[in-house]
C-alpha atoms as a PDB file:
ATOM      1  CA  MET A   1       1.045 -61.423  -5.375  1.00  0.00           C
ATOM      2  CA  VAL A   2       0.702 -57.706  -4.657  1.00  0.00           C
ATOM      3  CA  GLY A   3      -1.727 -56.201  -7.144  1.00  0.00           C
ATOM      4  CA  TYR A   4      -0.102 -53.880  -9.628  1.00  0.00           C
ATOM      5  CA  SER A   5      -2.913 -51.326  -9.408  1.00  0.00           C
ATOM      6  CA  SER A   6      -1.322 -49.699  -6.361  1.00  0.00           C
ATOM      7  CA  ARG A   7       1.631 -48.550  -8.459  1.00  0.00           C
ATOM      8  CA  TYR A   8      -0.293 -46.459 -10.926  1.00  0.00           C
ATOM      9  CA  VAL A   9      -2.097 -43.189 -10.259  1.00  0.00           C
ATOM     10  CA  VAL A  10      -3.214 -40.769 -12.973  1.00  0.00           C
ATOM     11  CA  SER A  11      -6.234 -38.571 -13.501  1.00  0.00           C
ATOM     12  CA  ASP A  12      -8.835 -40.033 -15.828  1.00  0.00           C
ATOM     13  CA  PRO A  13      -8.960 -38.168 -19.138  1.00  0.00           C
ATOM     14  CA  ASN A  14     -12.110 -37.304 -21.040  1.00  0.00           C
ATOM     15  CA  THR A  15     -12.560 -39.985 -23.713  1.00  0.00           C
ATOM     16  CA  VAL A  16     -13.669 -38.650 -27.097  1.00  0.00           C
ATOM     17  CA  ILE A  17     -14.726 -40.886 -29.995  1.00  0.00           C
ATOM     18  CA  VAL A  18     -13.872 -39.102 -33.234  1.00  0.00           C
ATOM     19  CA  ASP A  19     -15.807 -39.796 -36.434  1.00  0.00           C
ATOM     20  CA  THR A  20     -13.266 -39.699 -39.280  1.00  0.00           C
ATOM     21  CA  GLY A  21     -15.876 -39.858 -42.015  1.00  0.00           C
ATOM     22  CA  ASP A  22     -14.717 -42.623 -44.343  1.00  0.00           C
ATOM     23  CA  GLY A  23     -12.304 -44.118 -41.819  1.00  0.00           C
ATOM     24  CA  PRO A  24     -12.637 -45.923 -38.477  1.00  0.00           C
ATOM     25  CA  ASP A  25     -13.764 -44.182 -35.296  1.00  0.00           C
ATOM     26  CA  ILE A  26     -10.697 -42.974 -33.399  1.00  0.00           C
ATOM     27  CA  PHE A  27     -10.420 -42.790 -29.622  1.00  0.00           C
ATOM     28  CA  ALA A  28      -8.746 -39.695 -28.215  1.00  0.00           C
ATOM     29  CA  TYR A  29      -8.055 -38.809 -24.578  1.00  0.00           C
ATOM     30  CA  ASP A  30      -8.298 -35.185 -23.485  1.00  0.00           C
ATOM     31  CA  TYR A  31      -6.646 -34.539 -20.120  1.00  0.00           C
ATOM     32  CA  LEU A  32      -8.328 -31.112 -19.955  1.00  0.00           C
ATOM     33  CA  GLY A  33      -5.364 -29.031 -18.863  1.00  0.00           C
ATOM     34  CA  SER A  34      -5.345 -25.272 -19.292  1.00  0.00           C
ATOM     35  CA  GLY A  35      -2.902 -25.197 -22.208  1.00  0.00           C
ATOM     36  CA  PRO A  36      -0.928 -24.768 -24.334  1.00  0.00           C
ATOM     37  CA  ASP A  37      -2.059 -27.846 -26.268  1.00  0.00           C
ATOM     38  CA  VAL A  38       0.212 -30.870 -26.699  1.00  0.00           C
ATOM     39  CA  LEU A  39      -0.718 -33.859 -28.887  1.00  0.00           C
ATOM     40  CA  PHE A  40       0.792 -37.271 -28.015  1.00  0.00           C
ATOM     41  CA  LEU A  41       1.272 -39.993 -30.663  1.00  0.00           C
ATOM     42  CA  HIS A  42       2.361 -43.520 -29.724  1.00  0.00           C
ATOM     43  CA  ALA A  43       4.625 -46.200 -31.195  1.00  0.00           C
ATOM     44  CA  THR A  44       3.468 -49.162 -33.278  1.00  0.00           C
ATOM     45  CA  GLY A  45       1.656 -51.747 -31.151  1.00  0.00           C
ATOM     46  CA  MET A  46       1.110 -49.257 -28.326  1.00  0.00           C
ATOM     47  CA  HIS A  47      -1.824 -46.916 -27.577  1.00  0.00           C
ATOM     48  CA  GLY A  48      -2.550 -43.388 -26.421  1.00  0.00           C
ATOM     49  CA  ARG A  49      -2.815 -44.187 -22.719  1.00  0.00           C
ATOM     50  CA  MET A  50       0.807 -45.377 -22.613  1.00  0.00           C
ATOM     51  CA  TRP A  51       1.591 -41.669 -22.198  1.00  0.00           C
ATOM     52  CA  ASP A  52      -0.300 -41.442 -18.885  1.00  0.00           C
ATOM     53  CA  PRO A  53       2.800 -41.512 -16.646  1.00  0.00           C
ATOM     54  CA  VAL A  54       4.385 -38.749 -18.759  1.00  0.00           C
ATOM     55  CA  ILE A  55       1.246 -36.619 -18.956  1.00  0.00           C
ATOM     56  CA  ASP A  56       0.718 -36.992 -15.212  1.00  0.00           C
ATOM     57  CA  ARG A  57       3.939 -34.984 -14.810  1.00  0.00           C
ATOM     58  CA  LEU A  58       2.925 -32.155 -17.162  1.00  0.00           C
ATOM     59  CA  ASP A  59       0.644 -30.019 -15.039  1.00  0.00           C
ATOM     60  CA  GLY A  60      -0.400 -26.792 -16.700  1.00  0.00           C
ATOM     61  CA  LEU A  61      -0.583 -28.201 -20.235  1.00  0.00           C
ATOM     62  CA  ARG A  62      -3.630 -29.411 -22.155  1.00  0.00           C
ATOM     63  CA  CYS A  63      -2.488 -32.876 -23.181  1.00  0.00           C
ATOM     64  CA  VAL A  64      -4.353 -35.029 -25.711  1.00  0.00           C
ATOM     65  CA  SER A  65      -3.317 -38.558 -26.660  1.00  0.00           C
ATOM     66  CA  VAL A  66      -4.703 -40.711 -29.464  1.00  0.00           C
ATOM     67  CA  ASP A  67      -5.154 -44.407 -30.248  1.00  0.00           C
ATOM     68  CA  ALA A  68      -4.086 -44.717 -33.874  1.00  0.00           C
ATOM     69  CA  ARG A  69      -6.277 -46.833 -36.154  1.00  0.00           C
ATOM     70  CA  GLY A  70      -6.074 -50.492 -35.161  1.00  0.00           C
ATOM     71  CA  HIS A  71      -4.409 -49.621 -31.850  1.00  0.00           C
ATOM     72  CA  GLY A  72      -5.889 -49.368 -28.368  1.00  0.00           C
ATOM     73  CA  ARG A  73      -9.639 -48.882 -28.575  1.00  0.00           C
ATOM     74  CA  SER A  74      -9.595 -47.597 -32.191  1.00  0.00           C
ATOM     75  CA  ALA A  75     -10.765 -50.937 -33.568  1.00  0.00           C
ATOM     76  CA  ILE A  76     -10.749 -51.745 -37.276  1.00  0.00           C
ATOM     77  CA  SER A  77     -12.098 -54.404 -39.603  1.00  0.00           C
ATOM     78  CA  ASP A  78      -9.808 -56.560 -41.719  1.00  0.00           C
ATOM     79  CA  ASP A  79     -10.415 -54.502 -44.849  1.00  0.00           C
ATOM     80  CA  VAL A  80      -9.291 -51.154 -43.347  1.00  0.00           C
ATOM     81  CA  SER A  81      -6.045 -49.776 -44.754  1.00  0.00           C
ATOM     82  CA  MET A  82      -3.128 -49.380 -42.348  1.00  0.00           C
ATOM     83  CA  GLU A  83      -1.322 -46.891 -44.600  1.00  0.00           C
ATOM     84  CA  TRP A  84       0.498 -44.327 -42.468  1.00  0.00           C
ATOM     85  CA  SER A  85      -0.860 -41.470 -44.559  1.00  0.00           C
ATOM     86  CA  GLN A  86      -4.370 -42.652 -43.689  1.00  0.00           C
ATOM     87  CA  ALA A  87      -3.453 -42.875 -40.007  1.00  0.00           C
ATOM     88  CA  ALA A  88      -2.209 -39.287 -40.205  1.00  0.00           C
ATOM     89  CA  ARG A  89      -5.533 -38.159 -41.685  1.00  0.00           C
ATOM     90  CA  ASP A  90      -7.270 -39.766 -38.695  1.00  0.00           C
ATOM     91  CA  ILE A  91      -5.172 -37.534 -36.446  1.00  0.00           C
ATOM     92  CA  GLU A  92      -6.228 -34.495 -38.477  1.00  0.00           C
ATOM     93  CA  SER A  93      -9.841 -35.391 -37.629  1.00  0.00           C
ATOM     94  CA  VAL A  94      -8.913 -35.490 -33.936  1.00  0.00           C
ATOM     95  CA  ILE A  95      -7.235 -32.085 -34.181  1.00  0.00           C
ATOM     96  CA  ASP A  96     -10.317 -30.607 -35.860  1.00  0.00           C
ATOM     97  CA  THR A  97     -12.831 -32.247 -33.510  1.00  0.00           C
ATOM     98  CA  LEU A  98     -11.018 -31.131 -30.351  1.00  0.00           C
ATOM     99  CA  ASP A  99     -10.172 -27.728 -31.821  1.00  0.00           C
ATOM    100  CA  LEU A 100      -6.447 -28.150 -31.211  1.00  0.00           C
ATOM    101  CA  SER A 101      -5.439 -24.996 -33.002  1.00  0.00           C
ATOM    102  CA  GLY A 102      -3.336 -21.963 -32.351  1.00  0.00           C
ATOM    103  CA  SER A 103      -0.508 -23.014 -30.053  1.00  0.00           C
ATOM    104  CA  LEU A 104      -0.151 -26.787 -30.634  1.00  0.00           C
ATOM    105  CA  SER A 105       2.916 -28.934 -30.088  1.00  0.00           C
ATOM    106  CA  VAL A 106       3.339 -32.628 -30.808  1.00  0.00           C
ATOM    107  CA  VAL A 107       5.112 -35.487 -29.041  1.00  0.00           C
ATOM    108  CA  GLY A 108       5.744 -38.689 -30.948  1.00  0.00           C
ATOM    109  CA  HIS A 109       7.449 -42.005 -30.221  1.00  0.00           C
ATOM    110  CA  SER A 110       8.725 -44.151 -33.110  1.00  0.00           C
ATOM    111  CA  PHE A 111       5.733 -44.601 -35.480  1.00  0.00           C
ATOM    112  CA  GLY A 112       4.122 -41.634 -33.730  1.00  0.00           C
ATOM    113  CA  GLY A 113       7.140 -39.491 -34.534  1.00  0.00           C
ATOM    114  CA  CYS A 114       6.821 -40.300 -38.217  1.00  0.00           C
ATOM    115  CA  LEU A 115       3.086 -39.516 -38.110  1.00  0.00           C
ATOM    116  CA  ALA A 116       3.937 -36.144 -36.551  1.00  0.00           C
ATOM    117  CA  MET A 117       6.185 -35.281 -39.489  1.00  0.00           C
ATOM    118  CA  ILE A 118       3.629 -36.520 -42.038  1.00  0.00           C
ATOM    119  CA  LEU A 119       1.140 -34.135 -40.446  1.00  0.00           C
ATOM    120  CA  GLU A 120       3.541 -31.185 -40.378  1.00  0.00           C
ATOM    121  CA  ILE A 121       4.639 -31.726 -43.983  1.00  0.00           C
ATOM    122  CA  SER A 122       1.016 -31.956 -45.133  1.00  0.00           C
ATOM    123  CA  ASN A 123      -0.033 -28.960 -43.004  1.00  0.00           C
ATOM    124  CA  PRO A 124       2.944 -26.565 -42.773  1.00  0.00           C
ATOM    125  CA  GLY A 125       2.911 -24.661 -39.512  1.00  0.00           C
ATOM    126  CA  LEU A 126       0.476 -27.050 -37.825  1.00  0.00           C
ATOM    127  CA  PHE A 127       2.827 -27.533 -34.881  1.00  0.00           C
ATOM    128  CA  ASP A 128       4.709 -24.872 -32.944  1.00  0.00           C
ATOM    129  CA  SER A 129       7.231 -27.500 -31.877  1.00  0.00           C
ATOM    130  CA  ALA A 130       7.805 -31.240 -32.059  1.00  0.00           C
ATOM    131  CA  TRP A 131       9.467 -33.601 -29.578  1.00  0.00           C
ATOM    132  CA  LEU A 132      10.238 -36.942 -31.232  1.00  0.00           C
ATOM    133  CA  TYR A 133      11.727 -40.007 -29.592  1.00  0.00           C
ATOM    134  CA  GLU A 134      13.491 -42.129 -32.222  1.00  0.00           C
ATOM    135  CA  PRO A 135      10.997 -41.428 -35.013  1.00  0.00           C
ATOM    136  CA  ILE A 136      10.987 -44.234 -37.566  1.00  0.00           C
ATOM    137  CA  ILE A 137      11.810 -41.992 -40.488  1.00  0.00           C
ATOM    138  CA  GLY A 138      13.867 -43.586 -43.217  1.00  0.00           C
ATOM    139  CA  PHE A 139      13.036 -47.062 -41.986  1.00  0.00           C
ATOM    140  CA  GLU A 140       9.419 -46.420 -42.912  1.00  0.00           C
ATOM    141  CA  ARG A 141      10.536 -46.626 -46.556  1.00  0.00           C
ATOM    142  CA  LEU A 142      10.886 -50.409 -46.241  1.00  0.00           C
ATOM    143  CA  GLY A 143       8.215 -52.337 -48.101  1.00  0.00           C
ATOM    144  CA  ALA A 144       6.224 -55.336 -46.959  1.00  0.00           C
ATOM    145  CA  ASP A 145       8.823 -57.823 -48.188  1.00  0.00           C
ATOM    146  CA  GLU A 146      11.702 -55.980 -46.523  1.00  0.00           C
ATOM    147  CA  ASN A 147      10.371 -55.208 -43.069  1.00  0.00           C
ATOM    148  CA  PRO A 148      11.505 -57.764 -40.440  1.00  0.00           C
ATOM    149  CA  MET A 149       9.356 -56.102 -37.784  1.00  0.00           C
ATOM    150  CA  ALA A 150       6.202 -57.454 -39.428  1.00  0.00           C
ATOM    151  CA  ALA A 151       7.315 -61.044 -38.936  1.00  0.00           C
ATOM    152  CA  ALA A 152       8.275 -60.294 -35.318  1.00  0.00           C
ATOM    153  CA  ALA A 153       4.873 -58.724 -34.689  1.00  0.00           C
ATOM    154  CA  ARG A 154       3.062 -61.831 -35.939  1.00  0.00           C
ATOM    155  CA  ARG A 155       4.886 -63.874 -33.300  1.00  0.00           C
ATOM    156  CA  ARG A 156       3.636 -61.644 -30.473  1.00  0.00           C
ATOM    157  CA  ARG A 157       1.717 -63.380 -27.715  1.00  0.00           C
ATOM    158  CA  GLU A 158      -1.812 -61.948 -27.626  1.00  0.00           C
ATOM    159  CA  VAL A 159      -3.635 -63.770 -24.813  1.00  0.00           C
ATOM    160  CA  PHE A 160      -2.954 -63.990 -21.078  1.00  0.00           C
ATOM    161  CA  ASP A 161      -4.965 -65.351 -18.167  1.00  0.00           C
ATOM    162  CA  SER A 162      -5.327 -61.846 -16.688  1.00  0.00           C
ATOM    163  CA  THR A 163      -3.846 -58.357 -16.763  1.00  0.00           C
ATOM    164  CA  ASP A 164      -1.864 -59.298 -13.653  1.00  0.00           C
ATOM    165  CA  ALA A 165      -0.375 -62.240 -15.547  1.00  0.00           C
ATOM    166  CA  ALA A 166       0.480 -60.005 -18.499  1.00  0.00           C
ATOM    167  CA  PHE A 167       2.099 -57.447 -16.209  1.00  0.00           C
ATOM    168  CA  GLU A 168       4.220 -60.081 -14.477  1.00  0.00           C
ATOM    169  CA  ARG A 169       5.256 -61.584 -17.792  1.00  0.00           C
ATOM    170  CA  TYR A 170       6.246 -58.264 -19.334  1.00  0.00           C
ATOM    171  CA  THR A 171       8.199 -57.021 -16.333  1.00  0.00           C
ATOM    172  CA  SER A 172      10.172 -60.275 -16.133  1.00  0.00           C
ATOM    173  CA  LYS A 173      11.881 -60.061 -19.534  1.00  0.00           C
ATOM    174  CA  PRO A 174      13.170 -57.505 -22.062  1.00  0.00           C
ATOM    175  CA  PRO A 175      12.220 -55.060 -23.371  1.00  0.00           C
ATOM    176  CA  PHE A 176       9.641 -54.216 -20.718  1.00  0.00           C
ATOM    177  CA  ALA A 177      11.790 -55.443 -17.825  1.00  0.00           C
ATOM    178  CA  GLY A 178      13.781 -52.231 -18.117  1.00  0.00           C
ATOM    179  CA  CYS A 179      10.695 -50.020 -18.147  1.00  0.00           C
ATOM    180  CA  ASP A 180       9.128 -48.044 -15.329  1.00  0.00           C
ATOM    181  CA  PRO A 181       6.429 -50.192 -13.673  1.00  0.00           C
ATOM    182  CA  GLU A 182       3.863 -47.392 -14.023  1.00  0.00           C
ATOM    183  CA  SER A 183       4.465 -47.338 -17.760  1.00  0.00           C
ATOM    184  CA  VAL A 184       4.109 -51.094 -18.087  1.00  0.00           C
ATOM    185  CA  GLN A 185       0.888 -50.970 -16.121  1.00  0.00           C
ATOM    186  CA  ALA A 186      -0.494 -48.188 -18.337  1.00  0.00           C
ATOM    187  CA  TYR A 187       0.338 -50.312 -21.385  1.00  0.00           C
ATOM    188  CA  VAL A 188      -1.297 -53.426 -19.913  1.00  0.00           C
ATOM    189  CA  GLU A 189      -4.326 -51.772 -18.322  1.00  0.00           C
ATOM    190  CA  HIS A 190      -5.387 -49.989 -21.488  1.00  0.00           C
ATOM    191  CA  GLY A 191      -3.858 -52.307 -24.072  1.00  0.00           C
ATOM    192  CA  PHE A 192      -5.859 -55.448 -23.286  1.00  0.00           C
ATOM    193  CA  GLU A 193      -9.536 -56.331 -23.587  1.00  0.00           C
ATOM    194  CA  PRO A 194     -11.400 -59.068 -21.662  1.00  0.00           C
ATOM    195  CA  ILE A 195     -12.254 -62.288 -23.479  1.00  0.00           C
ATOM    196  CA  ASP A 196     -13.582 -65.625 -22.247  1.00  0.00           C
ATOM    197  CA  GLY A 197     -10.912 -67.091 -20.010  1.00  0.00           C
ATOM    198  CA  GLY A 198      -8.550 -64.161 -20.000  1.00  0.00           C
ATOM    199  CA  VAL A 199      -7.482 -60.966 -21.735  1.00  0.00           C
ATOM    200  CA  ARG A 200      -6.242 -60.241 -25.253  1.00  0.00           C
ATOM    201  CA  LEU A 201      -4.193 -57.462 -26.816  1.00  0.00           C
ATOM    202  CA  ARG A 202      -6.407 -54.798 -28.355  1.00  0.00           C
ATOM    203  CA  CYS A 203      -3.818 -54.211 -31.080  1.00  0.00           C
ATOM    204  CA  ARG A 204      -3.797 -57.687 -32.581  1.00  0.00           C
ATOM    205  CA  ALA A 205      -0.537 -59.163 -33.819  1.00  0.00           C
ATOM    206  CA  GLU A 206      -1.771 -59.157 -37.396  1.00  0.00           C
ATOM    207  CA  THR A 207      -2.782 -55.493 -37.144  1.00  0.00           C
ATOM    208  CA  GLU A 208       0.648 -54.508 -35.862  1.00  0.00           C
ATOM    209  CA  ALA A 209       2.275 -56.510 -38.659  1.00  0.00           C
ATOM    210  CA  ARG A 210       0.071 -54.808 -41.250  1.00  0.00           C
ATOM    211  CA  THR A 211       1.055 -51.443 -39.806  1.00  0.00           C
ATOM    212  CA  PHE A 212       4.722 -52.218 -40.414  1.00  0.00           C
ATOM    213  CA  GLU A 213       3.952 -53.532 -43.906  1.00  0.00           C
ATOM    214  CA  ALA A 214       2.086 -50.347 -44.834  1.00  0.00           C
ATOM    215  CA  SER A 215       4.874 -48.035 -43.751  1.00  0.00           C
ATOM    216  CA  ARG A 216       6.299 -46.848 -47.065  1.00  0.00           C
ATOM    217  CA  THR A 217       6.267 -43.031 -47.262  1.00  0.00           C
ATOM    218  CA  ASP A 218       8.366 -40.200 -48.659  1.00  0.00           C
ATOM    219  CA  VAL A 219       8.765 -38.418 -45.328  1.00  0.00           C
ATOM    220  CA  PHE A 220      12.563 -38.544 -45.185  1.00  0.00           C
ATOM    221  CA  GLU A 221      12.912 -36.916 -48.590  1.00  0.00           C
ATOM    222  CA  ARG A 222      10.576 -34.077 -47.538  1.00  0.00           C
ATOM    223  CA  LEU A 223      12.041 -33.252 -44.121  1.00  0.00           C
ATOM    224  CA  GLY A 224      13.758 -30.195 -45.570  1.00  0.00           C
ATOM    225  CA  SER A 225      10.366 -28.502 -45.813  1.00  0.00           C
ATOM    226  CA  VAL A 226       9.731 -28.768 -42.046  1.00  0.00           C
ATOM    227  CA  ALA A 227      10.030 -25.284 -40.575  1.00  0.00           C
ATOM    228  CA  THR A 228       8.919 -25.961 -37.002  1.00  0.00           C
ATOM    229  CA  THR A 229      11.372 -26.465 -34.149  1.00  0.00           C
ATOM    230  CA  VAL A 230      12.068 -30.170 -33.690  1.00  0.00           C
ATOM    231  CA  THR A 231      13.806 -32.021 -30.871  1.00  0.00           C
ATOM    232  CA  VAL A 232      14.859 -35.577 -31.722  1.00  0.00           C
ATOM    233  CA  VAL A 233      15.972 -37.942 -28.961  1.00  0.00           C
ATOM    234  CA  GLY A 234      18.132 -40.931 -29.797  1.00  0.00           C
ATOM    235  CA  SER A 235      19.007 -43.759 -27.436  1.00  0.00           C
ATOM    236  CA  GLY A 236      22.244 -45.637 -26.962  1.00  0.00           C
ATOM    237  CA  ASP A 237      20.937 -49.107 -27.803  1.00  0.00           C
ATOM    238  CA  GLY A 238      22.621 -49.238 -31.212  1.00  0.00           C
ATOM    239  CA  GLY A 239      19.395 -50.083 -33.033  1.00  0.00           C
ATOM    240  CA  GLY A 240      18.313 -48.691 -36.371  1.00  0.00           C
ATOM    241  CA  PRO A 241      16.105 -45.888 -35.042  1.00  0.00           C
ATOM    242  CA  ALA A 242      18.911 -44.727 -32.751  1.00  0.00           C
ATOM    243  CA  SER A 243      21.498 -44.759 -35.512  1.00  0.00           C
ATOM    244  CA  SER A 244      19.236 -42.843 -37.903  1.00  0.00           C
ATOM    245  CA  ALA A 245      18.321 -40.080 -35.430  1.00  0.00           C
ATOM    246  CA  GLY A 246      21.277 -37.928 -36.512  1.00  0.00           C
ATOM    247  CA  ALA A 247      20.319 -38.170 -40.178  1.00  0.00           C
ATOM    248  CA  VAL A 248      16.787 -37.052 -39.348  1.00  0.00           C
ATOM    249  CA  VAL A 249      18.123 -34.034 -37.455  1.00  0.00           C
ATOM    250  CA  ASP A 250      20.504 -33.150 -40.298  1.00  0.00           C
ATOM    251  CA  ALA A 251      17.596 -33.160 -42.753  1.00  0.00           C
ATOM    252  CA  ILE A 252      15.413 -30.761 -40.726  1.00  0.00           C
ATOM    253  CA  PRO A 253      16.473 -27.068 -40.856  1.00  0.00           C
ATOM    254  CA  ASN A 254      15.593 -26.244 -37.244  1.00  0.00           C
ATOM    255  CA  ALA A 255      16.256 -29.444 -35.321  1.00  0.00           C
ATOM    256  CA  ARG A 256      18.482 -30.551 -32.487  1.00  0.00           C
ATOM    257  CA  LEU A 257      19.580 -33.988 -31.297  1.00  0.00           C
ATOM    258  CA  LEU A 258      19.576 -35.239 -27.712  1.00  0.00           C
ATOM    259  CA  CYS A 259      21.546 -38.440 -27.080  1.00  0.00           C
ATOM    260  CA  TRP A 260      20.303 -40.531 -24.175  1.00  0.00           C
ATOM    261  CA  GLU A 261      23.003 -43.192 -24.111  1.00  0.00           C
ATOM    262  CA  ASP A 262      21.514 -44.910 -21.060  1.00  0.00           C
ATOM    263  CA  ARG A 263      18.147 -45.537 -22.739  1.00  0.00           C
ATOM    264  CA  THR A 264      16.754 -47.835 -25.434  1.00  0.00           C
ATOM    265  CA  HIS A 265      14.066 -47.459 -28.095  1.00  0.00           C
ATOM    266  CA  PHE A 266      11.564 -47.869 -25.226  1.00  0.00           C
ATOM    267  CA  GLY A 267      12.811 -44.696 -23.548  1.00  0.00           C
ATOM    268  CA  PRO A 268       9.376 -43.066 -23.061  1.00  0.00           C
ATOM    269  CA  LEU A 269       8.335 -46.097 -21.012  1.00  0.00           C
ATOM    270  CA  GLU A 270      11.674 -46.389 -19.206  1.00  0.00           C
ATOM    271  CA  ASP A 271      11.905 -42.898 -17.730  1.00  0.00           C
ATOM    272  CA  PRO A 272       8.627 -40.933 -17.923  1.00  0.00           C
ATOM    273  CA  ALA A 273       9.896 -38.259 -15.528  1.00  0.00           C
ATOM    274  CA  ARG A 274      12.901 -37.475 -17.723  1.00  0.00           C
ATOM    275  CA  VAL A 275      10.689 -37.505 -20.816  1.00  0.00           C
ATOM    276  CA  ALA A 276       8.249 -35.071 -19.235  1.00  0.00           C
ATOM    277  CA  ASP A 277      11.060 -32.699 -18.222  1.00  0.00           C
ATOM    278  CA  SER A 278      12.504 -32.792 -21.742  1.00  0.00           C
ATOM    279  CA  ILE A 279       9.125 -32.172 -23.362  1.00  0.00           C
ATOM    280  CA  ARG A 280       8.470 -29.189 -21.133  1.00  0.00           C
ATOM    281  CA  ALA A 281      11.903 -27.749 -21.926  1.00  0.00           C
ATOM    282  CA  SER A 282      11.250 -28.122 -25.662  1.00  0.00           C
ATOM    283  CA  LEU A 283       7.986 -26.119 -25.709  1.00  0.00           C
END
């Protein structure tokens, strides 16, 4: 088998471990561009380095991505809350620690898109602009007993013989089969940790399930207070996040909707070049 490492080239970011005070340590990745600053927030079950193939195409910007609590290298204990409001406060600590102030924009995918709006609602004017790919806003109001994604997360396979084996498995079946190989590699390379006899997902299945179960917020009802310019991208896969994208745009005073009919909810991993171009155009 040809090793997958030859497909993936990106500059190594500066890794920063952020002390959140009463919360878990959060890993952030500062790509040290010249600015303006852009903060990248990932989807549930993903991690900050999934944005590498997008960020690699954004020369001239200072890009920072984050592993949300329980995701990537931001490890947690079993007693740590996965409430989305708490996850947003972790991101505030990252913003303060890295001095991401002045001209700051945000990019969010799914869960990350909802976190972006939690942050903007709690800190009006925090972001100059927001680019959100199918933010789970509205769906986040589901409680633990109503959220089918939690049960699906608990069925996720966690352990593989190697990262090569994980890569081959993911690229052979949906949803990752339709993704750019560089994006799948970024997910695998930074989303697994070595264990005896193989590798294991850093974001454990139970942690992802708990994230879904802790998702109830009032973000949708408060979108009318968002004053920043927001771009929302919806796919053509017919799923819930795609169908709700229009309602999110209608609720935000200064928002526009882009419809990418040829993409799915995994759009940021399917076409990083198109995503990068769209982000740059939105700034």
